[in-house]
């Protein structure tokens, strides 16, 4: 059973929900019945339902009936340097060699060993809301200022799995670099935000 299969089925169910086949609050058919409809093993359908639950499309406990979730409120990012106000999980702390891009952002040579941390930020309902991957040299130090650039990126397999989205889905990417009081870069980070869960509000220049 390929991982792509249950993700394709989840995407099809999401499309059917968006088309109005099932309304918010309406119970979906059982996993067994849906597995028969899609001609797949019930375990594959369970994975598809679990993915839809993690991404907030469906609600309900595992091994019980599930129903279409009411649309969550969009979050708005106004300060990319603010602490996350809810729970989070650190998922990776392995040091990494600096890529050419990271070397330029931190003012080090390519291949230099960087400390690294990826944090999964969870919303109040326990769903993944954002991934923050940070890199720095030596010990972390307090910063005096930062800059942030907004763009977009296609999700890697690892990012998509954490966020419960399809591989190659497009997400917001905020590149944040922190500086000391002399303007030297201390740390840089990629903030990955699903476009269906976030609005970006830019503050006016001061």
C-alpha atoms as a PDB file:
ATOM      1  CA  UNK A   1       0.000   0.000   0.000  1.00  0.00           C
ATOM      2  CA  UNK A   2       1.620   3.244  -1.106  1.00  0.00           C
ATOM      3  CA  UNK A   3       1.421   6.292   1.089  1.00  0.00           C
ATOM      4  CA  UNK A   4       0.366   8.345  -1.927  1.00  0.00           C
ATOM      5  CA  UNK A   5      -2.804   6.238  -2.283  1.00  0.00           C
ATOM      6  CA  UNK A   6      -4.429   7.161   1.014  1.00  0.00           C
ATOM      7  CA  UNK A   7      -3.395  10.788   0.467  1.00  0.00           C
ATOM      8  CA  UNK A   8      -5.107  10.788  -2.950  1.00  0.00           C
ATOM      9  CA  UNK A   9      -8.238   9.298  -1.397  1.00  0.00           C
ATOM     10  CA  UNK A  10      -8.167  11.904   1.373  1.00  0.00           C
ATOM     11  CA  UNK A  11      -7.865  14.631  -1.264  1.00  0.00           C
ATOM     12  CA  UNK A  12     -10.866  13.173  -3.135  1.00  0.00           C
ATOM     13  CA  UNK A  13     -12.973  13.079   0.035  1.00  0.00           C
ATOM     14  CA  UNK A  14     -11.970  16.688   0.756  1.00  0.00           C
ATOM     15  CA  UNK A  15     -13.090  17.590  -2.797  1.00  0.00           C
ATOM     16  CA  UNK A  16     -16.423  15.826  -2.283  1.00  0.00           C
ATOM     17  CA  UNK A  17     -16.947  17.725   0.976  1.00  0.00           C
ATOM     18  CA  UNK A  18     -16.115  21.035  -0.707  1.00  0.00           C
ATOM     19  CA  UNK A  19     -18.596  20.155  -3.459  1.00  0.00           C
ATOM     20  CA  UNK A  20     -21.339  19.810  -0.835  1.00  0.00           C
ATOM     21  CA  UNK A  21     -21.781  16.029  -0.773  1.00  0.00           C
ATOM     22  CA  UNK A  22     -21.459  16.177   3.026  1.00  0.00           C
ATOM     23  CA  UNK A  23     -22.149  19.284   5.095  1.00  0.00           C
ATOM     24  CA  UNK A  24     -20.475  20.479   8.324  1.00  0.00           C
ATOM     25  CA  UNK A  25     -21.691  18.316  11.180  1.00  0.00           C
ATOM     26  CA  UNK A  26     -22.856  15.503   8.886  1.00  0.00           C
ATOM     27  CA  UNK A  27     -21.548  11.991   9.598  1.00  0.00           C
ATOM     28  CA  UNK A  28     -19.558  10.291   6.856  1.00  0.00           C
ATOM     29  CA  UNK A  29     -20.087   6.637   5.894  1.00  0.00           C
ATOM     30  CA  UNK A  30     -18.139   4.062   7.904  1.00  0.00           C
ATOM     31  CA  UNK A  31     -14.553   3.281   6.982  1.00  0.00           C
ATOM     32  CA  UNK A  32     -15.638  -0.196   5.866  1.00  0.00           C
ATOM     33  CA  UNK A  33     -18.320   1.171   3.542  1.00  0.00           C
ATOM     34  CA  UNK A  34     -15.997   3.820   2.100  1.00  0.00           C
ATOM     35  CA  UNK A  35     -13.222   1.252   1.634  1.00  0.00           C
ATOM     36  CA  UNK A  36     -15.626  -0.858  -0.417  1.00  0.00           C
ATOM     37  CA  UNK A  37     -16.608   2.183  -2.483  1.00  0.00           C
ATOM     38  CA  UNK A  38     -12.955   2.980  -3.268  1.00  0.00           C
ATOM     39  CA  UNK A  39     -12.007  -0.710  -3.656  1.00  0.00           C
ATOM     40  CA  UNK A  40      -9.251  -0.482  -1.063  1.00  0.00           C
ATOM     41  CA  UNK A  41      -8.329  -2.163   2.210  1.00  0.00           C
ATOM     42  CA  UNK A  42     -10.061  -0.697   5.303  1.00  0.00           C
ATOM     43  CA  UNK A  43      -6.624   0.102   6.752  1.00  0.00           C
ATOM     44  CA  UNK A  44      -5.958   2.436   3.821  1.00  0.00           C
ATOM     45  CA  UNK A  45      -9.265   4.190   4.440  1.00  0.00           C
ATOM     46  CA  UNK A  46      -8.413   4.486   8.133  1.00  0.00           C
ATOM     47  CA  UNK A  47      -5.220   6.300   7.184  1.00  0.00           C
ATOM     48  CA  UNK A  48      -7.162   8.617   4.870  1.00  0.00           C
ATOM     49  CA  UNK A  49      -9.683   9.406   7.617  1.00  0.00           C
ATOM     50  CA  UNK A  50      -6.851   9.954  10.136  1.00  0.00           C
ATOM     51  CA  UNK A  51      -5.197  12.402   7.743  1.00  0.00           C
ATOM     52  CA  UNK A  52      -8.452  14.310   7.320  1.00  0.00           C
ATOM     53  CA  UNK A  53      -8.884  14.438  11.091  1.00  0.00           C
ATOM     54  CA  UNK A  54      -5.347  15.767  11.588  1.00  0.00           C
ATOM     55  CA  UNK A  55      -5.927  18.520   9.045  1.00  0.00           C
ATOM     56  CA  UNK A  56      -9.236  19.556  10.595  1.00  0.00           C
ATOM     57  CA  UNK A  57     -11.481  18.422   7.727  1.00  0.00           C
ATOM     58  CA  UNK A  58     -13.126  15.728   9.868  1.00  0.00           C
ATOM     59  CA  UNK A  59     -13.867  15.460  13.573  1.00  0.00           C
ATOM     60  CA  UNK A  60     -14.460  12.387  15.705  1.00  0.00           C
ATOM     61  CA  UNK A  61     -12.505   9.826  17.665  1.00  0.00           C
ATOM     62  CA  UNK A  62     -10.513   7.020  16.127  1.00  0.00           C
ATOM     63  CA  UNK A  63     -12.559   3.836  15.530  1.00  0.00           C
ATOM     64  CA  UNK A  64     -15.788   5.803  15.940  1.00  0.00           C
ATOM     65  CA  UNK A  65     -17.940   7.687  13.463  1.00  0.00           C
ATOM     66  CA  UNK A  66     -16.473  10.841  11.973  1.00  0.00           C
ATOM     67  CA  UNK A  67     -18.252  13.933  10.717  1.00  0.00           C
ATOM     68  CA  UNK A  68     -17.398  16.998   8.684  1.00  0.00           C
ATOM     69  CA  UNK A  69     -15.755  19.635  10.844  1.00  0.00           C
ATOM     70  CA  UNK A  70     -16.918  23.218  10.841  1.00  0.00           C
ATOM     71  CA  UNK A  71     -14.356  25.454   9.191  1.00  0.00           C
ATOM     72  CA  UNK A  72     -11.749  26.681  11.714  1.00  0.00           C
ATOM     73  CA  UNK A  73     -11.001  30.356  12.072  1.00  0.00           C
ATOM     74  CA  UNK A  74      -8.025  31.490  10.064  1.00  0.00           C
ATOM     75  CA  UNK A  75      -5.037  32.639  12.060  1.00  0.00           C
ATOM     76  CA  UNK A  76      -3.264  35.851  11.172  1.00  0.00           C
ATOM     77  CA  UNK A  77       0.509  36.237  11.303  1.00  0.00           C
ATOM     78  CA  UNK A  78       1.470  39.787  12.210  1.00  0.00           C
ATOM     79  CA  UNK A  79       4.758  39.256  14.086  1.00  0.00           C
ATOM     80  CA  UNK A  80       7.012  36.489  12.728  1.00  0.00           C
ATOM     81  CA  UNK A  81       9.338  36.934  15.713  1.00  0.00           C
ATOM     82  CA  UNK A  82       6.699  36.384  18.409  1.00  0.00           C
ATOM     83  CA  UNK A  83       6.693  33.333  20.667  1.00  0.00           C
ATOM     84  CA  UNK A  84       4.096  30.689  19.836  1.00  0.00           C
ATOM     85  CA  UNK A  85       1.274  31.054  22.405  1.00  0.00           C
ATOM     86  CA  UNK A  86       0.094  27.418  22.353  1.00  0.00           C
ATOM     87  CA  UNK A  87       1.747  24.007  22.688  1.00  0.00           C
ATOM     88  CA  UNK A  88       4.546  22.834  20.410  1.00  0.00           C
ATOM     89  CA  UNK A  89       6.683  19.763  19.804  1.00  0.00           C
ATOM     90  CA  UNK A  90      10.371  19.677  18.890  1.00  0.00           C
ATOM     91  CA  UNK A  91      10.657  17.033  16.182  1.00  0.00           C
ATOM     92  CA  UNK A  92      14.314  17.251  15.058  1.00  0.00           C
ATOM     93  CA  UNK A  93      17.515  18.587  16.636  1.00  0.00           C
ATOM     94  CA  UNK A  94      20.170  17.014  14.425  1.00  0.00           C
ATOM     95  CA  UNK A  95      23.051  19.333  13.420  1.00  0.00           C
ATOM     96  CA  UNK A  96      23.159  20.078   9.702  1.00  0.00           C
ATOM     97  CA  UNK A  97      25.864  21.207   7.260  1.00  0.00           C
ATOM     98  CA  UNK A  98      25.176  24.688   5.914  1.00  0.00           C
ATOM     99  CA  UNK A  99      23.738  24.721   2.418  1.00  0.00           C
ATOM    100  CA  UNK A 100      24.788  27.530   0.092  1.00  0.00           C
ATOM    101  CA  UNK A 101      21.564  29.395   0.959  1.00  0.00           C
ATOM    102  CA  UNK A 102      21.950  28.964   4.717  1.00  0.00           C
ATOM    103  CA  UNK A 103      25.637  29.949   4.522  1.00  0.00           C
ATOM    104  CA  UNK A 104      24.652  33.213   2.818  1.00  0.00           C
ATOM    105  CA  UNK A 105      21.933  33.904   5.385  1.00  0.00           C
ATOM    106  CA  UNK A 106      24.257  33.323   8.346  1.00  0.00           C
ATOM    107  CA  UNK A 107      27.520  34.639   6.876  1.00  0.00           C
ATOM    108  CA  UNK A 108      29.364  31.310   7.197  1.00  0.00           C
ATOM    109  CA  UNK A 109      31.010  29.046   4.653  1.00  0.00           C
ATOM    110  CA  UNK A 110      28.997  26.337   2.920  1.00  0.00           C
ATOM    111  CA  UNK A 111      29.352  23.017   4.696  1.00  0.00           C
ATOM    112  CA  UNK A 112      29.909  24.556   8.137  1.00  0.00           C
ATOM    113  CA  UNK A 113      28.175  22.611  10.909  1.00  0.00           C
ATOM    114  CA  UNK A 114      25.019  24.348  12.090  1.00  0.00           C
ATOM    115  CA  UNK A 115      22.882  23.651  15.107  1.00  0.00           C
ATOM    116  CA  UNK A 116      19.353  22.911  14.015  1.00  0.00           C
ATOM    117  CA  UNK A 117      15.869  22.605  15.466  1.00  0.00           C
ATOM    118  CA  UNK A 118      12.483  21.914  13.885  1.00  0.00           C
ATOM    119  CA  UNK A 119       9.438  22.725  15.987  1.00  0.00           C
ATOM    120  CA  UNK A 120       5.853  21.789  15.144  1.00  0.00           C
ATOM    121  CA  UNK A 121       3.496  24.458  16.484  1.00  0.00           C
ATOM    122  CA  UNK A 122       0.047  23.154  17.426  1.00  0.00           C
ATOM    123  CA  UNK A 123      -3.242  25.048  17.548  1.00  0.00           C
ATOM    124  CA  UNK A 124      -5.486  24.856  20.650  1.00  0.00           C
ATOM    125  CA  UNK A 125      -7.176  21.768  19.177  1.00  0.00           C
ATOM    126  CA  UNK A 126      -3.868  19.934  18.867  1.00  0.00           C
ATOM    127  CA  UNK A 127      -3.603  20.231  15.076  1.00  0.00           C
ATOM    128  CA  UNK A 128      -0.384  21.213  13.369  1.00  0.00           C
ATOM    129  CA  UNK A 129      -0.505  24.913  12.503  1.00  0.00           C
ATOM    130  CA  UNK A 130       3.070  25.767  11.525  1.00  0.00           C
ATOM    131  CA  UNK A 131       6.573  24.303  11.208  1.00  0.00           C
ATOM    132  CA  UNK A 132       9.587  26.351  12.301  1.00  0.00           C
ATOM    133  CA  UNK A 133      13.060  25.145  11.300  1.00  0.00           C
ATOM    134  CA  UNK A 134      15.939  27.159  12.783  1.00  0.00           C
ATOM    135  CA  UNK A 135      19.709  27.081  12.218  1.00  0.00           C
ATOM    136  CA  UNK A 136      22.543  28.803  14.130  1.00  0.00           C
ATOM    137  CA  UNK A 137      26.256  28.518  14.902  1.00  0.00           C
ATOM    138  CA  UNK A 138      27.522  27.644  18.394  1.00  0.00           C
ATOM    139  CA  UNK A 139      25.232  28.609  21.253  1.00  0.00           C
ATOM    140  CA  UNK A 140      21.981  30.461  20.852  1.00  0.00           C
ATOM    141  CA  UNK A 141      22.209  34.089  21.888  1.00  0.00           C
ATOM    142  CA  UNK A 142      19.620  36.831  22.409  1.00  0.00           C
ATOM    143  CA  UNK A 143      19.029  38.936  19.323  1.00  0.00           C
ATOM    144  CA  UNK A 144      18.576  42.665  18.900  1.00  0.00           C
ATOM    145  CA  UNK A 145      16.648  42.793  15.632  1.00  0.00           C
ATOM    146  CA  UNK A 146      15.313  40.638  12.820  1.00  0.00           C
ATOM    147  CA  UNK A 147      14.177  40.755   9.215  1.00  0.00           C
ATOM    148  CA  UNK A 148      11.524  38.568   7.602  1.00  0.00           C
ATOM    149  CA  UNK A 149      10.798  37.853   3.938  1.00  0.00           C
ATOM    150  CA  UNK A 150       7.541  36.298   2.728  1.00  0.00           C
ATOM    151  CA  UNK A 151       7.396  33.810  -0.117  1.00  0.00           C
ATOM    152  CA  UNK A 152       5.989  30.392  -0.924  1.00  0.00           C
ATOM    153  CA  UNK A 153       7.394  26.888  -1.149  1.00  0.00           C
ATOM    154  CA  UNK A 154       6.322  23.423  -2.247  1.00  0.00           C
ATOM    155  CA  UNK A 155       6.215  21.128   0.766  1.00  0.00           C
ATOM    156  CA  UNK A 156       8.723  18.321   1.093  1.00  0.00           C
ATOM    157  CA  UNK A 157       7.480  14.854   2.005  1.00  0.00           C
ATOM    158  CA  UNK A 158       8.531  15.376   5.632  1.00  0.00           C
ATOM    159  CA  UNK A 159       6.830  18.770   5.875  1.00  0.00           C
ATOM    160  CA  UNK A 160       3.664  17.530   4.183  1.00  0.00           C
ATOM    161  CA  UNK A 161       3.437  14.563   6.543  1.00  0.00           C
ATOM    162  CA  UNK A 162       3.802  16.796   9.615  1.00  0.00           C
ATOM    163  CA  UNK A 163       1.172  19.258   8.387  1.00  0.00           C
ATOM    164  CA  UNK A 164      -1.183  16.601   7.035  1.00  0.00           C
ATOM    165  CA  UNK A 165      -1.033  17.953   3.495  1.00  0.00           C
ATOM    166  CA  UNK A 166      -0.150  16.536   0.111  1.00  0.00           C
ATOM    167  CA  UNK A 167       3.464  16.453  -1.002  1.00  0.00           C
ATOM    168  CA  UNK A 168       4.228  19.431  -3.283  1.00  0.00           C
ATOM    169  CA  UNK A 169       1.315  21.433  -1.858  1.00  0.00           C
ATOM    170  CA  UNK A 170       2.215  25.132  -1.734  1.00  0.00           C
ATOM    171  CA  UNK A 171       2.588  26.862   1.644  1.00  0.00           C
ATOM    172  CA  UNK A 172       3.666  30.274   2.856  1.00  0.00           C
ATOM    173  CA  UNK A 173       7.376  30.450   3.684  1.00  0.00           C
ATOM    174  CA  UNK A 174       8.596  33.203   5.995  1.00  0.00           C
ATOM    175  CA  UNK A 175      12.392  33.455   6.097  1.00  0.00           C
ATOM    176  CA  UNK A 176      13.355  35.082   9.411  1.00  0.00           C
ATOM    177  CA  UNK A 177      16.915  36.081  10.263  1.00  0.00           C
ATOM    178  CA  UNK A 178      17.892  37.435  13.681  1.00  0.00           C
ATOM    179  CA  UNK A 179      20.824  39.829  14.249  1.00  0.00           C
ATOM    180  CA  UNK A 180      22.926  41.061  17.157  1.00  0.00           C
ATOM    181  CA  UNK A 181      23.285  44.774  17.964  1.00  0.00           C
ATOM    182  CA  UNK A 182      26.127  45.080  15.432  1.00  0.00           C
ATOM    183  CA  UNK A 183      23.974  43.650  12.642  1.00  0.00           C
ATOM    184  CA  UNK A 184      25.682  40.258  12.519  1.00  0.00           C
ATOM    185  CA  UNK A 185      23.338  37.311  11.798  1.00  0.00           C
ATOM    186  CA  UNK A 186      22.848  35.033  14.795  1.00  0.00           C
ATOM    187  CA  UNK A 187      20.117  32.670  13.635  1.00  0.00           C
ATOM    188  CA  UNK A 188      17.914  32.062  10.633  1.00  0.00           C
ATOM    189  CA  UNK A 189      14.654  30.170  10.347  1.00  0.00           C
ATOM    190  CA  UNK A 190      12.022  29.007   7.872  1.00  0.00           C
ATOM    191  CA  UNK A 191       8.435  29.365   9.077  1.00  0.00           C
ATOM    192  CA  UNK A 192       6.173  27.097   6.996  1.00  0.00           C
ATOM    193  CA  UNK A 193       2.489  28.039   7.193  1.00  0.00           C
ATOM    194  CA  UNK A 194      -0.318  26.193   5.326  1.00  0.00           C
ATOM    195  CA  UNK A 195      -2.169  28.640   3.105  1.00  0.00           C
ATOM    196  CA  UNK A 196      -5.564  27.242   4.117  1.00  0.00           C
ATOM    197  CA  UNK A 197      -4.899  28.038   7.798  1.00  0.00           C
ATOM    198  CA  UNK A 198      -3.169  31.424   7.709  1.00  0.00           C
ATOM    199  CA  UNK A 199      -3.487  35.006   6.594  1.00  0.00           C
ATOM    200  CA  UNK A 200      -0.397  37.199   6.474  1.00  0.00           C
ATOM    201  CA  UNK A 201      -0.876  40.806   7.619  1.00  0.00           C
ATOM    202  CA  UNK A 202       2.032  43.119   6.882  1.00  0.00           C
ATOM    203  CA  UNK A 203       2.658  45.930   9.342  1.00  0.00           C
ATOM    204  CA  UNK A 204       3.058  49.434   7.868  1.00  0.00           C
ATOM    205  CA  UNK A 205       6.592  50.796   7.644  1.00  0.00           C
ATOM    206  CA  UNK A 206       7.605  52.997  10.573  1.00  0.00           C
END
